[in-house]
Amino acid sequence: MKIAGAYSFNNGEQALSKNYLDLLTEIRDAIAAVDASTCMTKKSKEKTMPGQMLYSPKSLNRYFEQQFYSRGWNSVRVKCDYPTRFYAPDYAPQELRKGAFREMDFVKRRLGVEVQFGKYSFMVYNVAAKMTIFRNLGHIDAGVEIVPVKALADHMSSGVSYFEQFVWDLEKRGVSNIDVPVLILGIDV
């Protein structure tokens, strides 16, 4: 795969160039090593493209995992201990699910990487919430979000978000004082 676009959110590109230039090279190498042609394995059942072969997000994610893990990156999983003290006094909650967690796809030397081939809300959550949470918990200082560009998303299931849409929203949202520096990379085949 190749990097087709890059967007620096909250000075993400500057932070990576200053503190993580070697890891940015590893990320670029990992992306380049992904052979997306082997991931066109999902047969569409959608009304708009019945029977069409599409890129499988699961297959693409497995390929990215192989590439990052082979370069010494690890996923980081944080246990969620949900607070219960905020319920109304007359409310009796059901028992909360045990084993709840949040996970960052890849972390190395306090740089977090998320690969997202899902719905739009997941991209926004990764950058505007998850990366801030992982920074506040002491796991990362900056991040990279890898997402498809529109041309690639058009060959995936409907509803997959894409780089151009994501960048537009981040531009209109602006930067908050709690945001982590993030480099958004739009990829294509």
Foldseek 3Di string as FASTA:
>chain_A
DAFPDKDWAPNQVVVCVVPPVVVVVLVRVLQVPQDQVVQQADQDPDPVHHRAGFGDPVVSLVSSLVSQVVVPWDKDKAFDDDDDVPDDPPDDDDDDDPPDIDMFSTADPQETEHEAQAAPVVQCCVFVPVNLVCVVVPRHQAYEYEAAAPVRNVRHDPRGDFDVVNVVVPVVVGDDPSTHTYMYTHDDD
